[in-house]
Amino acid sequence: MGTLPVYRWRLAPDGYATRRQLRSQGLRPGGQDVAAQLLRPRRRRGPLVAYLYRVDLAKPVRPMTPGRWAALAKANAARRICPQCRTDAGYVIPASLGTCVPCTYPDPADSLRSA
């Protein structure tokens, strides 16, 4: 395979789409190679690159099976459990904190009451 065609931001021809654009149409790349690149220039850093796929070669998104739904529910439930106090926080614990808010920022008044 030679070099990829490169298009400027918003100037890609019809028939090409990014992964997100394919997904919004209910499609997936389906194993095809990247067909082109899209470059968005930035002022002080290198350009942003988006990979484009051919829409005519895209395949429909695979439907969710009951097993996939169960695995997704289990994974999302695990993201709600605090690793320190092992309780369900009621929200997805931010990766920046790593623990639930009460474990990350304990209330100093609680420690004074128990002493």
C-alpha atoms as a PDB file:
ATOM      1  CA  MET A   1       0.000   0.000   0.000  1.00  0.00           C
ATOM      2  CA  GLY A   2       1.327   3.447  -0.927  1.00  0.00           C
ATOM      3  CA  THR A   3       0.890   6.681   0.898  1.00  0.00           C
ATOM      4  CA  LEU A   4      -2.526   7.703   2.118  1.00  0.00           C
ATOM      5  CA  PRO A   5      -4.382  10.628   0.552  1.00  0.00           C
ATOM      6  CA  VAL A   6      -4.376  13.601   2.929  1.00  0.00           C
ATOM      7  CA  TYR A   7      -7.221  16.106   3.065  1.00  0.00           C
ATOM      8  CA  ARG A   8      -7.529  19.373   4.925  1.00  0.00           C
ATOM      9  CA  TRP A   9     -10.117  19.826   7.670  1.00  0.00           C
ATOM     10  CA  ARG A  10     -13.696  19.816   6.284  1.00  0.00           C
ATOM     11  CA  LEU A  11     -12.466  19.176   2.719  1.00  0.00           C
ATOM     12  CA  ALA A  12     -12.667  15.385   2.521  1.00  0.00           C
ATOM     13  CA  PRO A  13     -14.719  14.099  -0.417  1.00  0.00           C
ATOM     14  CA  ASP A  14     -18.014  12.275   0.023  1.00  0.00           C
ATOM     15  CA  GLY A  15     -17.723   8.552   0.645  1.00  0.00           C
ATOM     16  CA  TYR A  16     -15.212   8.849   3.503  1.00  0.00           C
ATOM     17  CA  ALA A  17     -16.049   8.943   7.208  1.00  0.00           C
ATOM     18  CA  THR A  18     -14.316   8.763  10.581  1.00  0.00           C
ATOM     19  CA  ARG A  19     -15.109   5.980  13.054  1.00  0.00           C
ATOM     20  CA  ARG A  20     -17.495   8.256  14.933  1.00  0.00           C
ATOM     21  CA  GLN A  21     -19.285   9.250  11.756  1.00  0.00           C
ATOM     22  CA  LEU A  22     -19.616   5.599  10.748  1.00  0.00           C
ATOM     23  CA  ARG A  23     -20.964   4.733  14.180  1.00  0.00           C
ATOM     24  CA  SER A  24     -23.592   7.481  13.999  1.00  0.00           C
ATOM     25  CA  GLN A  25     -24.781   5.846  10.762  1.00  0.00           C
ATOM     26  CA  GLY A  26     -24.924   2.415  12.424  1.00  0.00           C
ATOM     27  CA  LEU A  27     -21.756   1.217  10.656  1.00  0.00           C
ATOM     28  CA  ARG A  28     -18.245   0.051  11.575  1.00  0.00           C
ATOM     29  CA  PRO A  29     -15.021  -0.113   9.531  1.00  0.00           C
ATOM     30  CA  GLY A  30     -15.354  -3.896   9.307  1.00  0.00           C
ATOM     31  CA  GLY A  31     -11.670  -4.751   8.997  1.00  0.00           C
ATOM     32  CA  GLN A  32     -10.841  -2.365   6.173  1.00  0.00           C
ATOM     33  CA  ASP A  33      -7.607  -0.419   6.243  1.00  0.00           C
ATOM     34  CA  VAL A  34      -7.507   3.344   6.709  1.00  0.00           C
ATOM     35  CA  ALA A  35      -8.351   4.906   3.339  1.00  0.00           C
ATOM     36  CA  ALA A  36      -7.273   8.525   3.947  1.00  0.00           C
ATOM     37  CA  GLN A  37      -6.213  11.049   6.549  1.00  0.00           C
ATOM     38  CA  LEU A  38      -7.763  14.310   7.593  1.00  0.00           C
ATOM     39  CA  LEU A  39      -5.455  17.022   8.996  1.00  0.00           C
ATOM     40  CA  ARG A  40      -6.635  19.872  11.173  1.00  0.00           C
ATOM     41  CA  PRO A  41      -3.898  22.474  11.678  1.00  0.00           C
ATOM     42  CA  ARG A  42      -3.261  23.951  15.112  1.00  0.00           C
ATOM     43  CA  ARG A  43      -1.315  27.068  16.020  1.00  0.00           C
ATOM     44  CA  ARG A  44       1.387  25.950  18.419  1.00  0.00           C
ATOM     45  CA  ARG A  45       1.362  22.175  18.059  1.00  0.00           C
ATOM     46  CA  GLY A  46       1.319  19.579  15.346  1.00  0.00           C
ATOM     47  CA  PRO A  47      -1.887  19.035  13.391  1.00  0.00           C
ATOM     48  CA  LEU A  48      -4.691  16.812  14.614  1.00  0.00           C
ATOM     49  CA  VAL A  49      -5.038  13.683  12.506  1.00  0.00           C
ATOM     50  CA  ALA A  50      -8.285  11.832  11.864  1.00  0.00           C
ATOM     51  CA  TYR A  51      -8.357   8.563   9.954  1.00  0.00           C
ATOM     52  CA  LEU A  52     -11.005   8.128   7.295  1.00  0.00           C
ATOM     53  CA  TYR A  53     -12.649   4.914   6.130  1.00  0.00           C
ATOM     54  CA  ARG A  54     -14.659   4.203   2.993  1.00  0.00           C
ATOM     55  CA  VAL A  55     -18.379   4.204   3.700  1.00  0.00           C
ATOM     56  CA  ASP A  56     -19.146   1.763   0.856  1.00  0.00           C
ATOM     57  CA  LEU A  57     -16.904  -0.898   2.462  1.00  0.00           C
ATOM     58  CA  ALA A  58     -18.267  -0.375   6.000  1.00  0.00           C
ATOM     59  CA  LYS A  59     -20.342  -3.095   7.626  1.00  0.00           C
ATOM     60  CA  PRO A  60     -23.319  -2.837   9.985  1.00  0.00           C
ATOM     61  CA  VAL A  61     -22.640  -2.666  13.715  1.00  0.00           C
ATOM     62  CA  ARG A  62     -22.963  -6.053  15.385  1.00  0.00           C
ATOM     63  CA  PRO A  63     -26.034  -6.286  17.629  1.00  0.00           C
ATOM     64  CA  MET A  64     -25.621  -6.568  21.387  1.00  0.00           C
ATOM     65  CA  THR A  65     -26.186 -10.079  22.692  1.00  0.00           C
ATOM     66  CA  PRO A  66     -27.526 -10.859  26.188  1.00  0.00           C
ATOM     67  CA  GLY A  67     -24.016 -11.915  27.213  1.00  0.00           C
ATOM     68  CA  ARG A  68     -22.542  -8.604  26.047  1.00  0.00           C
ATOM     69  CA  TRP A  69     -25.248  -6.656  27.894  1.00  0.00           C
ATOM     70  CA  ALA A  70     -24.482  -8.616  31.079  1.00  0.00           C
ATOM     71  CA  ALA A  71     -20.725  -8.033  30.742  1.00  0.00           C
ATOM     72  CA  LEU A  72     -21.267  -4.305  30.155  1.00  0.00           C
ATOM     73  CA  ALA A  73     -23.545  -4.027  33.193  1.00  0.00           C
ATOM     74  CA  LYS A  74     -20.981  -5.844  35.352  1.00  0.00           C
ATOM     75  CA  ALA A  75     -18.142  -3.591  34.154  1.00  0.00           C
ATOM     76  CA  ASN A  76     -20.159  -0.434  34.823  1.00  0.00           C
ATOM     77  CA  ALA A  77     -21.125  -1.679  38.293  1.00  0.00           C
ATOM     78  CA  ALA A  78     -17.444  -2.312  39.087  1.00  0.00           C
ATOM     79  CA  ARG A  79     -16.635   1.309  38.216  1.00  0.00           C
ATOM     80  CA  ARG A  80     -19.055   2.463  40.956  1.00  0.00           C
ATOM     81  CA  ILE A  81     -17.491   0.458  43.821  1.00  0.00           C
ATOM     82  CA  CYS A  82     -14.857   2.280  45.867  1.00  0.00           C
ATOM     83  CA  PRO A  83     -11.670   0.206  46.215  1.00  0.00           C
ATOM     84  CA  GLN A  84     -10.998   1.623  49.690  1.00  0.00           C
ATOM     85  CA  CYS A  85     -14.334   1.346  51.528  1.00  0.00           C
ATOM     86  CA  ARG A  86     -15.878  -1.269  49.147  1.00  0.00           C
ATOM     87  CA  THR A  87     -19.257   0.519  48.983  1.00  0.00           C
ATOM     88  CA  ASP A  88     -21.305   1.475  45.930  1.00  0.00           C
ATOM     89  CA  ALA A  89     -20.690   5.196  45.528  1.00  0.00           C
ATOM     90  CA  GLY A  90     -23.844   5.712  43.457  1.00  0.00           C
ATOM     91  CA  TYR A  91     -21.786   7.251  40.641  1.00  0.00           C
ATOM     92  CA  VAL A  92     -18.829   6.261  38.485  1.00  0.00           C
ATOM     93  CA  ILE A  93     -15.696   6.964  40.525  1.00  0.00           C
ATOM     94  CA  PRO A  94     -13.431   9.401  38.671  1.00  0.00           C
ATOM     95  CA  ALA A  95     -10.073   7.948  37.680  1.00  0.00           C
ATOM     96  CA  SER A  96      -8.441  11.189  38.849  1.00  0.00           C
ATOM     97  CA  LEU A  97      -9.554  10.437  42.428  1.00  0.00           C
ATOM     98  CA  GLY A  98      -9.313   6.656  42.442  1.00  0.00           C
ATOM     99  CA  THR A  99     -11.694   6.421  45.415  1.00  0.00           C
ATOM    100  CA  CYS A 100     -15.107   7.822  46.304  1.00  0.00           C
ATOM    101  CA  VAL A 101     -15.332  11.453  47.411  1.00  0.00           C
ATOM    102  CA  PRO A 102     -15.759  10.673  51.167  1.00  0.00           C
ATOM    103  CA  CYS A 103     -12.633   8.473  51.095  1.00  0.00           C
ATOM    104  CA  THR A 104     -10.647  11.027  49.112  1.00  0.00           C
ATOM    105  CA  TYR A 105     -11.726  14.022  51.212  1.00  0.00           C
ATOM    106  CA  PRO A 106     -12.630  12.711  54.690  1.00  0.00           C
ATOM    107  CA  ASP A 107     -14.601  15.076  56.909  1.00  0.00           C
ATOM    108  CA  PRO A 108     -12.294  16.229  59.748  1.00  0.00           C
ATOM    109  CA  ALA A 109     -15.346  16.712  62.017  1.00  0.00           C
ATOM    110  CA  ASP A 110     -16.045  12.956  61.900  1.00  0.00           C
ATOM    111  CA  SER A 111     -12.580  12.109  63.247  1.00  0.00           C
ATOM    112  CA  LEU A 112     -12.999  14.604  66.120  1.00  0.00           C
ATOM    113  CA  ARG A 113     -16.370  13.097  67.146  1.00  0.00           C
ATOM    114  CA  SER A 114     -15.010   9.558  67.322  1.00  0.00           C
ATOM    115  CA  ALA A 115     -11.975  10.582  69.412  1.00  0.00           C
END
